[in-house]
Each structure stands twice: as C-alpha cells, then as structure tokens.
Amino acid sequence: MYQSDQYLSTGSEMRTVHFATDLFVEHGSLVFSIYDGKIHSLLDNSKPLDNGPTIIIEHRPAPKSPPFYVLYSHLSK
C-alpha cells in the first residue's frame, strides 16, 4: 500500500497511514452521502495503486460552519 511515487511526501518520505473506513459492497451498489453537499471533484485516478474512480463531496452541516470533505474512492465507472 502506498508504494508508488505519487505517495511521496516532502523529501523522500512515503505516506504510510491509511486513515479511512473501508466498506466492501457489491458492484453497482448506490453511494449515499452523510449530509447534503456539493461535488468538489470527480476523477478517475488511474495510476497504479491509486484510488480509481473517486468522488469528493464538500459538506457544511451548519450555515456558518467550516466545510469538511468526504472522499469516496475505488468506485465502479
């Protein structure tokens, strides 16, 4: 995991922490967001060992709260 050059941090240190919750579901399962939000990005990260099709959703649970982002990755095309 994280063995490719795209995971290099500053200098030559590799990113080694996977801070996420992985859900294993059947192909074609629907993806539901935890709050209303807007699409921040939609990409197919196709480099070897990358996240594949990815959606990042921006959320603001209260009108004046700072935004936070949820990344959904390894999705089917």
PDB file of N, CA and C in Angstrom:
ATOM      1  N   MET A   1       0.843  -1.176   0.000  1.00  0.00           N
ATOM      2  CA  MET A   1       0.000   0.000   0.000  1.00  0.00           C
ATOM      3  C   MET A   1       0.888   1.239   0.000  1.00  0.00           C
ATOM      4  N   TYR A   2       0.545   2.234  -0.783  1.00  0.00           N
ATOM      5  CA  TYR A   2       1.296   3.487  -0.856  1.00  0.00           C
ATOM      6  C   TYR A   2       2.754   3.251  -1.228  1.00  0.00           C
ATOM      7  N   GLN A   3       2.999   2.471  -2.261  1.00  0.00           N
ATOM      8  CA  GLN A   3       4.356   2.155  -2.662  1.00  0.00           C
ATOM      9  C   GLN A   3       4.774   2.878  -3.935  1.00  0.00           C
ATOM     10  N   SER A   4       3.933   3.695  -4.488  1.00  0.00           N
ATOM     11  CA  SER A   4       4.212   4.369  -5.744  1.00  0.00           C
ATOM     12  C   SER A   4       4.688   5.796  -5.490  1.00  0.00           C
ATOM     13  N   ASP A   5       5.401   6.384  -6.443  1.00  0.00           N
ATOM     14  CA  ASP A   5       5.969   7.724  -6.270  1.00  0.00           C
ATOM     15  C   ASP A   5       4.926   8.805  -5.980  1.00  0.00           C
ATOM     16  N   GLN A   6       3.661   8.626  -6.402  1.00  0.00           N
ATOM     17  CA  GLN A   6       2.662   9.660  -6.153  1.00  0.00           C
ATOM     18  C   GLN A   6       2.346   9.813  -4.673  1.00  0.00           C
ATOM     19  N   TYR A   7       2.823   8.886  -3.837  1.00  0.00           N
ATOM     20  CA  TYR A   7       2.581   8.972  -2.397  1.00  0.00           C
ATOM     21  C   TYR A   7       3.777   9.520  -1.625  1.00  0.00           C
ATOM     22  N   LEU A   8       4.768  10.058  -2.327  1.00  0.00           N
ATOM     23  CA  LEU A   8       5.899  10.672  -1.649  1.00  0.00           C
ATOM     24  C   LEU A   8       5.461  11.981  -1.007  1.00  0.00           C
ATOM     25  N   SER A   9       5.849  12.192   0.227  1.00  0.00           N
ATOM     26  CA  SER A   9       5.599  13.456   0.910  1.00  0.00           C
ATOM     27  C   SER A   9       6.772  14.378   0.628  1.00  0.00           C
ATOM     28  N   THR A  10       6.916  15.426   1.400  1.00  0.00           N
ATOM     29  CA  THR A  10       8.071  16.300   1.231  1.00  0.00           C
ATOM     30  C   THR A  10       9.334  15.484   1.447  1.00  0.00           C
ATOM     31  N   GLY A  11      10.338  15.741   0.646  1.00  0.00           N
ATOM     32  CA  GLY A  11      11.558  14.945   0.724  1.00  0.00           C
ATOM     33  C   GLY A  11      11.323  13.592   0.092  1.00  0.00           C
ATOM     34  N   SER A  12      11.762  12.553   0.752  1.00  0.00           N
ATOM     35  CA  SER A  12      11.610  11.208   0.193  1.00  0.00           C
ATOM     36  C   SER A  12      10.821  10.280   1.117  1.00  0.00           C
ATOM     37  N   GLU A  13      10.090  10.859   2.063  1.00  0.00           N
ATOM     38  CA  GLU A  13       9.304  10.052   2.995  1.00  0.00           C
ATOM     39  C   GLU A  13       7.996   9.628   2.348  1.00  0.00           C
ATOM     40  N   MET A  14       7.664   8.349   2.468  1.00  0.00           N
ATOM     41  CA  MET A  14       6.433   7.815   1.898  1.00  0.00           C
ATOM     42  C   MET A  14       5.268   7.991   2.867  1.00  0.00           C
ATOM     43  N   ARG A  15       4.087   8.265   2.302  1.00  0.00           N
ATOM     44  CA  ARG A  15       2.872   8.264   3.116  1.00  0.00           C
ATOM     45  C   ARG A  15       2.578   6.820   3.471  1.00  0.00           C
ATOM     46  N   THR A  16       2.378   6.533   4.743  1.00  0.00           N
ATOM     47  CA  THR A  16       2.187   5.147   5.166  1.00  0.00           C
ATOM     48  C   THR A  16       0.897   4.922   5.945  1.00  0.00           C
ATOM     49  N   VAL A  17       0.145   5.967   6.237  1.00  0.00           N
ATOM     50  CA  VAL A  17      -1.062   5.834   7.056  1.00  0.00           C
ATOM     51  C   VAL A  17      -2.291   5.831   6.160  1.00  0.00           C
ATOM     52  N   HIS A  18      -3.172   4.886   6.388  1.00  0.00           N
ATOM     53  CA  HIS A  18      -4.443   4.809   5.673  1.00  0.00           C
ATOM     54  C   HIS A  18      -5.531   5.157   6.681  1.00  0.00           C
ATOM     55  N   PHE A  19      -5.959   6.424   6.681  1.00  0.00           N
ATOM     56  CA  PHE A  19      -6.935   6.910   7.642  1.00  0.00           C
ATOM     57  C   PHE A  19      -8.292   6.922   6.957  1.00  0.00           C
ATOM     58  N   ALA A  20      -9.010   5.808   7.040  1.00  0.00           N
ATOM     59  CA  ALA A  20     -10.266   5.690   6.311  1.00  0.00           C
ATOM     60  C   ALA A  20     -11.102   4.565   6.902  1.00  0.00           C
ATOM     61  N   THR A  21     -12.329   4.537   6.471  1.00  0.00           N
ATOM     62  CA  THR A  21     -13.206   3.415   6.748  1.00  0.00           C
ATOM     63  C   THR A  21     -13.508   2.752   5.418  1.00  0.00           C
ATOM     64  N   ASP A  22     -13.163   1.510   5.284  1.00  0.00           N
ATOM     65  CA  ASP A  22     -13.401   0.783   4.047  1.00  0.00           C
ATOM     66  C   ASP A  22     -14.697  -0.007   4.162  1.00  0.00           C
ATOM     67  N   LEU A  23     -15.545   0.151   3.176  1.00  0.00           N
ATOM     68  CA  LEU A  23     -16.798  -0.596   3.107  1.00  0.00           C
ATOM     69  C   LEU A  23     -16.750  -1.483   1.873  1.00  0.00           C
ATOM     70  N   PHE A  24     -16.934  -2.750   2.052  1.00  0.00           N
ATOM     71  CA  PHE A  24     -16.913  -3.683   0.935  1.00  0.00           C
ATOM     72  C   PHE A  24     -18.356  -4.034   0.595  1.00  0.00           C
ATOM     73  N   VAL A  25     -18.784  -3.580  -0.580  1.00  0.00           N
ATOM     74  CA  VAL A  25     -20.163  -3.793  -1.008  1.00  0.00           C
ATOM     75  C   VAL A  25     -20.161  -4.377  -2.412  1.00  0.00           C
ATOM     76  N   GLU A  26     -21.306  -4.863  -2.844  1.00  0.00           N
ATOM     77  CA  GLU A  26     -21.419  -5.450  -4.175  1.00  0.00           C
ATOM     78  C   GLU A  26     -21.239  -4.396  -5.255  1.00  0.00           C
ATOM     79  N   HIS A  27     -20.674  -4.802  -6.376  1.00  0.00           N
ATOM     80  CA  HIS A  27     -20.522  -3.940  -7.544  1.00  0.00           C
ATOM     81  C   HIS A  27     -21.889  -3.354  -7.910  1.00  0.00           C
ATOM     82  N   GLY A  28     -21.915  -2.056  -8.183  1.00  0.00           N
ATOM     83  CA  GLY A  28     -23.158  -1.398  -8.577  1.00  0.00           C
ATOM     84  C   GLY A  28     -23.976  -0.874  -7.412  1.00  0.00           C
ATOM     85  N   SER A  29     -23.502  -1.050  -6.187  1.00  0.00           N
ATOM     86  CA  SER A  29     -24.234  -0.529  -5.026  1.00  0.00           C
ATOM     87  C   SER A  29     -24.292   0.992  -5.085  1.00  0.00           C
ATOM     88  N   LEU A  30     -25.376   1.557  -4.583  1.00  0.00           N
ATOM     89  CA  LEU A  30     -25.520   3.003  -4.548  1.00  0.00           C
ATOM     90  C   LEU A  30     -24.614   3.596  -3.471  1.00  0.00           C
ATOM     91  N   VAL A  31     -24.190   4.835  -3.686  1.00  0.00           N
ATOM     92  CA  VAL A  31     -23.382   5.569  -2.717  1.00  0.00           C
ATOM     93  C   VAL A  31     -24.253   6.667  -2.135  1.00  0.00           C
ATOM     94  N   PHE A  32     -24.362   6.720  -0.817  1.00  0.00           N
ATOM     95  CA  PHE A  32     -25.152   7.743  -0.143  1.00  0.00           C
ATOM     96  C   PHE A  32     -24.226   8.645   0.655  1.00  0.00           C
ATOM     97  N   SER A  33     -24.502   9.917   0.624  1.00  0.00           N
ATOM     98  CA  SER A  33     -23.707  10.895   1.348  1.00  0.00           C
ATOM     99  C   SER A  33     -24.233  11.036   2.772  1.00  0.00           C
ATOM    100  N   ILE A  34     -23.337  11.388   3.708  1.00  0.00           N
ATOM    101  CA  ILE A  34     -23.757  11.517   5.104  1.00  0.00           C
ATOM    102  C   ILE A  34     -24.536  12.792   5.387  1.00  0.00           C
ATOM    103  N   TYR A  35     -24.315  13.844   4.593  1.00  0.00           N
ATOM    104  CA  TYR A  35     -25.047  15.114   4.672  1.00  0.00           C
ATOM    105  C   TYR A  35     -25.296  15.597   3.256  1.00  0.00           C
ATOM    106  N   ASP A  36     -26.193  16.580   3.108  1.00  0.00           N
ATOM    107  CA  ASP A  36     -26.292  17.267   1.828  1.00  0.00           C
ATOM    108  C   ASP A  36     -24.948  17.921   1.551  1.00  0.00           C
ATOM    109  N   GLY A  37     -24.575  17.995   0.309  1.00  0.00           N
ATOM    110  CA  GLY A  37     -23.296  18.600  -0.031  1.00  0.00           C
ATOM    111  C   GLY A  37     -23.217  18.886  -1.507  1.00  0.00           C
ATOM    112  N   LYS A  38     -22.051  19.303  -1.941  1.00  0.00           N
ATOM    113  CA  LYS A  38     -21.845  19.538  -3.362  1.00  0.00           C
ATOM    114  C   LYS A  38     -20.586  18.801  -3.796  1.00  0.00           C
ATOM    115  N   ILE A  39     -20.583  18.404  -5.059  1.00  0.00           N
ATOM    116  CA  ILE A  39     -19.441  17.683  -5.607  1.00  0.00           C
ATOM    117  C   ILE A  39     -18.254  18.629  -5.684  1.00  0.00           C
ATOM    118  N   HIS A  40     -17.190  18.287  -5.002  1.00  0.00           N
ATOM    119  CA  HIS A  40     -15.946  19.050  -5.052  1.00  0.00           C
ATOM    120  C   HIS A  40     -15.109  18.593  -6.238  1.00  0.00           C
ATOM    121  N   SER A  41     -15.017  17.282  -6.441  1.00  0.00           N
ATOM    122  CA  SER A  41     -14.296  16.752  -7.594  1.00  0.00           C
ATOM    123  C   SER A  41     -14.787  15.353  -7.924  1.00  0.00           C
ATOM    124  N   LEU A  42     -14.594  15.003  -9.180  1.00  0.00           N
ATOM    125  CA  LEU A  42     -14.959  13.696  -9.695  1.00  0.00           C
ATOM    126  C   LEU A  42     -13.852  13.317 -10.664  1.00  0.00           C
ATOM    127  N   LEU A  43     -13.035  12.332 -10.288  1.00  0.00           N
ATOM    128  CA  LEU A  43     -11.872  11.962 -11.092  1.00  0.00           C
ATOM    129  C   LEU A  43     -11.737  10.451 -11.177  1.00  0.00           C
ATOM    130  N   ASP A  44     -11.053  10.001 -12.216  1.00  0.00           N
ATOM    131  CA  ASP A  44     -10.625   8.607 -12.289  1.00  0.00           C
ATOM    132  C   ASP A  44      -9.116   8.603 -12.105  1.00  0.00           C
ATOM    133  N   ASN A  45      -8.668   8.307 -10.904  1.00  0.00           N
ATOM    134  CA  ASN A  45      -7.247   8.275 -10.577  1.00  0.00           C
ATOM    135  C   ASN A  45      -6.709   6.915 -10.993  1.00  0.00           C
ATOM    136  N   SER A  46      -6.208   6.825 -12.218  1.00  0.00           N
ATOM    137  CA  SER A  46      -5.909   5.528 -12.816  1.00  0.00           C
ATOM    138  C   SER A  46      -4.445   5.107 -12.738  1.00  0.00           C
ATOM    139  N   LYS A  47      -3.618   5.815 -11.972  1.00  0.00           N
ATOM    140  CA  LYS A  47      -2.229   5.380 -11.809  1.00  0.00           C
ATOM    141  C   LYS A  47      -2.210   4.055 -11.052  1.00  0.00           C
ATOM    142  N   PRO A  48      -1.164   3.259 -11.239  1.00  0.00           N
ATOM    143  CA  PRO A  48      -1.078   2.004 -10.478  1.00  0.00           C
ATOM    144  C   PRO A  48      -1.140   2.276  -8.970  1.00  0.00           C
ATOM    145  N   LEU A  49      -1.872   1.460  -8.260  1.00  0.00           N
ATOM    146  CA  LEU A  49      -2.050   1.557  -6.803  1.00  0.00           C
ATOM    147  C   LEU A  49      -2.787   2.818  -6.370  1.00  0.00           C
ATOM    148  N   ASP A  50      -3.462   3.506  -7.293  1.00  0.00           N
ATOM    149  CA  ASP A  50      -4.190   4.733  -6.958  1.00  0.00           C
ATOM    150  C   ASP A  50      -5.622   4.392  -6.561  1.00  0.00           C
ATOM    151  N   ASN A  51      -6.467   5.419  -6.355  1.00  0.00           N
ATOM    152  CA  ASN A  51      -7.824   5.243  -5.829  1.00  0.00           C
ATOM    153  C   ASN A  51      -8.881   4.926  -6.867  1.00  0.00           C
ATOM    154  N   GLY A  52      -8.544   4.910  -8.145  1.00  0.00           N
ATOM    155  CA  GLY A  52      -9.539   4.629  -9.174  1.00  0.00           C
ATOM    156  C   GLY A  52     -10.577   5.745  -9.241  1.00  0.00           C
ATOM    157  N   PRO A  53     -11.796   5.433  -9.714  1.00  0.00           N
ATOM    158  CA  PRO A  53     -12.848   6.448  -9.767  1.00  0.00           C
ATOM    159  C   PRO A  53     -13.147   6.984  -8.365  1.00  0.00           C
ATOM    160  N   THR A  54     -13.122   8.311  -8.234  1.00  0.00           N
ATOM    161  CA  THR A  54     -13.214   8.962  -6.926  1.00  0.00           C
ATOM    162  C   THR A  54     -14.155  10.161  -6.978  1.00  0.00           C
ATOM    163  N   ILE A  55     -14.969  10.294  -5.963  1.00  0.00           N
ATOM    164  CA  ILE A  55     -15.818  11.477  -5.777  1.00  0.00           C
ATOM    165  C   ILE A  55     -15.437  12.090  -4.430  1.00  0.00           C
ATOM    166  N   ILE A  56     -15.239  13.416  -4.404  1.00  0.00           N
ATOM    167  CA  ILE A  56     -15.050  14.129  -3.146  1.00  0.00           C
ATOM    168  C   ILE A  56     -16.234  15.073  -2.994  1.00  0.00           C
ATOM    169  N   ILE A  57     -16.924  14.973  -1.851  1.00  0.00           N
ATOM    170  CA  ILE A  57     -18.107  15.796  -1.588  1.00  0.00           C
ATOM    171  C   ILE A  57     -17.790  16.776  -0.463  1.00  0.00           C
ATOM    172  N   GLU A  58     -18.116  18.045  -0.701  1.00  0.00           N
ATOM    173  CA  GLU A  58     -17.943  19.092   0.311  1.00  0.00           C
ATOM    174  C   GLU A  58     -19.231  19.223   1.112  1.00  0.00           C
ATOM    175  N   HIS A  59     -19.090  19.232   2.437  1.00  0.00           N
ATOM    176  CA  HIS A  59     -20.252  19.338   3.326  1.00  0.00           C
ATOM    177  C   HIS A  59     -20.119  20.554   4.227  1.00  0.00           C
ATOM    178  N   ARG A  60     -21.248  21.184   4.518  1.00  0.00           N
ATOM    179  CA  ARG A  60     -21.364  22.246   5.526  1.00  0.00           C
ATOM    180  C   ARG A  60     -22.633  21.948   6.315  1.00  0.00           C
ATOM    181  N   PRO A  61     -22.510  21.242   7.439  1.00  0.00           N
ATOM    182  CA  PRO A  61     -23.713  20.841   8.169  1.00  0.00           C
ATOM    183  C   PRO A  61     -24.475  21.997   8.799  1.00  0.00           C
ATOM    184  N   ALA A  62     -23.825  23.134   9.014  1.00  0.00           N
ATOM    185  CA  ALA A  62     -24.489  24.331   9.533  1.00  0.00           C
ATOM    186  C   ALA A  62     -24.073  25.510   8.662  1.00  0.00           C
ATOM    187  N   PRO A  63     -24.939  26.529   8.522  1.00  0.00           N
ATOM    188  CA  PRO A  63     -24.666  27.627   7.586  1.00  0.00           C
ATOM    189  C   PRO A  63     -23.298  28.292   7.739  1.00  0.00           C
ATOM    190  N   LYS A  64     -22.822  28.488   8.957  1.00  0.00           N
ATOM    191  CA  LYS A  64     -21.548  29.190   9.131  1.00  0.00           C
ATOM    192  C   LYS A  64     -20.408  28.261   9.542  1.00  0.00           C
ATOM    193  N   SER A  65     -20.629  26.969   9.463  1.00  0.00           N
ATOM    194  CA  SER A  65     -19.568  26.037   9.849  1.00  0.00           C
ATOM    195  C   SER A  65     -18.533  25.924   8.734  1.00  0.00           C
ATOM    196  N   PRO A  66     -17.301  25.603   9.085  1.00  0.00           N
ATOM    197  CA  PRO A  66     -16.300  25.389   8.038  1.00  0.00           C
ATOM    198  C   PRO A  66     -16.628  24.108   7.275  1.00  0.00           C
ATOM    199  N   PRO A  67     -16.247  24.040   6.030  1.00  0.00           N
ATOM    200  CA  PRO A  67     -16.555  22.829   5.259  1.00  0.00           C
ATOM    201  C   PRO A  67     -15.670  21.663   5.683  1.00  0.00           C
ATOM    202  N   PHE A  68     -16.160  20.454   5.444  1.00  0.00           N
ATOM    203  CA  PHE A  68     -15.316  19.271   5.531  1.00  0.00           C
ATOM    204  C   PHE A  68     -15.622  18.426   4.307  1.00  0.00           C
ATOM    205  N   TYR A  69     -14.732  17.518   3.990  1.00  0.00           N
ATOM    206  CA  TYR A  69     -14.803  16.776   2.741  1.00  0.00           C
ATOM    207  C   TYR A  69     -14.780  15.282   3.017  1.00  0.00           C
ATOM    208  N   VAL A  70     -15.568  14.555   2.233  1.00  0.00           N
ATOM    209  CA  VAL A  70     -15.576  13.094   2.321  1.00  0.00           C
ATOM    210  C   VAL A  70     -15.180  12.561   0.958  1.00  0.00           C
ATOM    211  N   LEU A  71     -14.208  11.657   0.963  1.00  0.00           N
ATOM    212  CA  LEU A  71     -13.718  11.059  -0.268  1.00  0.00           C
ATOM    213  C   LEU A  71     -14.295   9.655  -0.393  1.00  0.00           C
ATOM    214  N   TYR A  72     -14.903   9.382  -1.532  1.00  0.00           N
ATOM    215  CA  TYR A  72     -15.406   8.056  -1.860  1.00  0.00           C
ATOM    216  C   TYR A  72     -14.542   7.554  -3.012  1.00  0.00           C
ATOM    217  N   SER A  73     -13.815   6.455  -2.786  1.00  0.00           N
ATOM    218  CA  SER A  73     -12.885   6.010  -3.820  1.00  0.00           C
ATOM    219  C   SER A  73     -13.080   4.533  -4.136  1.00  0.00           C
ATOM    220  N   HIS A  74     -12.357   4.088  -5.145  1.00  0.00           N
ATOM    221  CA  HIS A  74     -12.440   2.708  -5.650  1.00  0.00           C
ATOM    222  C   HIS A  74     -13.854   2.395  -6.108  1.00  0.00           C
ATOM    223  N   LEU A  75     -14.507   3.398  -6.695  1.00  0.00           N
ATOM    224  CA  LEU A  75     -15.876   3.244  -7.176  1.00  0.00           C
ATOM    225  C   LEU A  75     -15.856   2.588  -8.558  1.00  0.00           C
ATOM    226  N   SER A  76     -16.973   2.038  -8.963  1.00  0.00           N
ATOM    227  CA  SER A  76     -17.065   1.496 -10.320  1.00  0.00           C
ATOM    228  C   SER A  76     -17.341   2.643 -11.283  1.00  0.00           C
ATOM    229  N   LYS A  77     -16.855   2.503 -12.505  1.00  0.00           N
ATOM    230  CA  LYS A  77     -17.071   3.557 -13.509  1.00  0.00           C
ATOM    231  C   LYS A  77     -18.529   3.585 -13.911  1.00  0.00           C
TER     232      LYS A  77
END
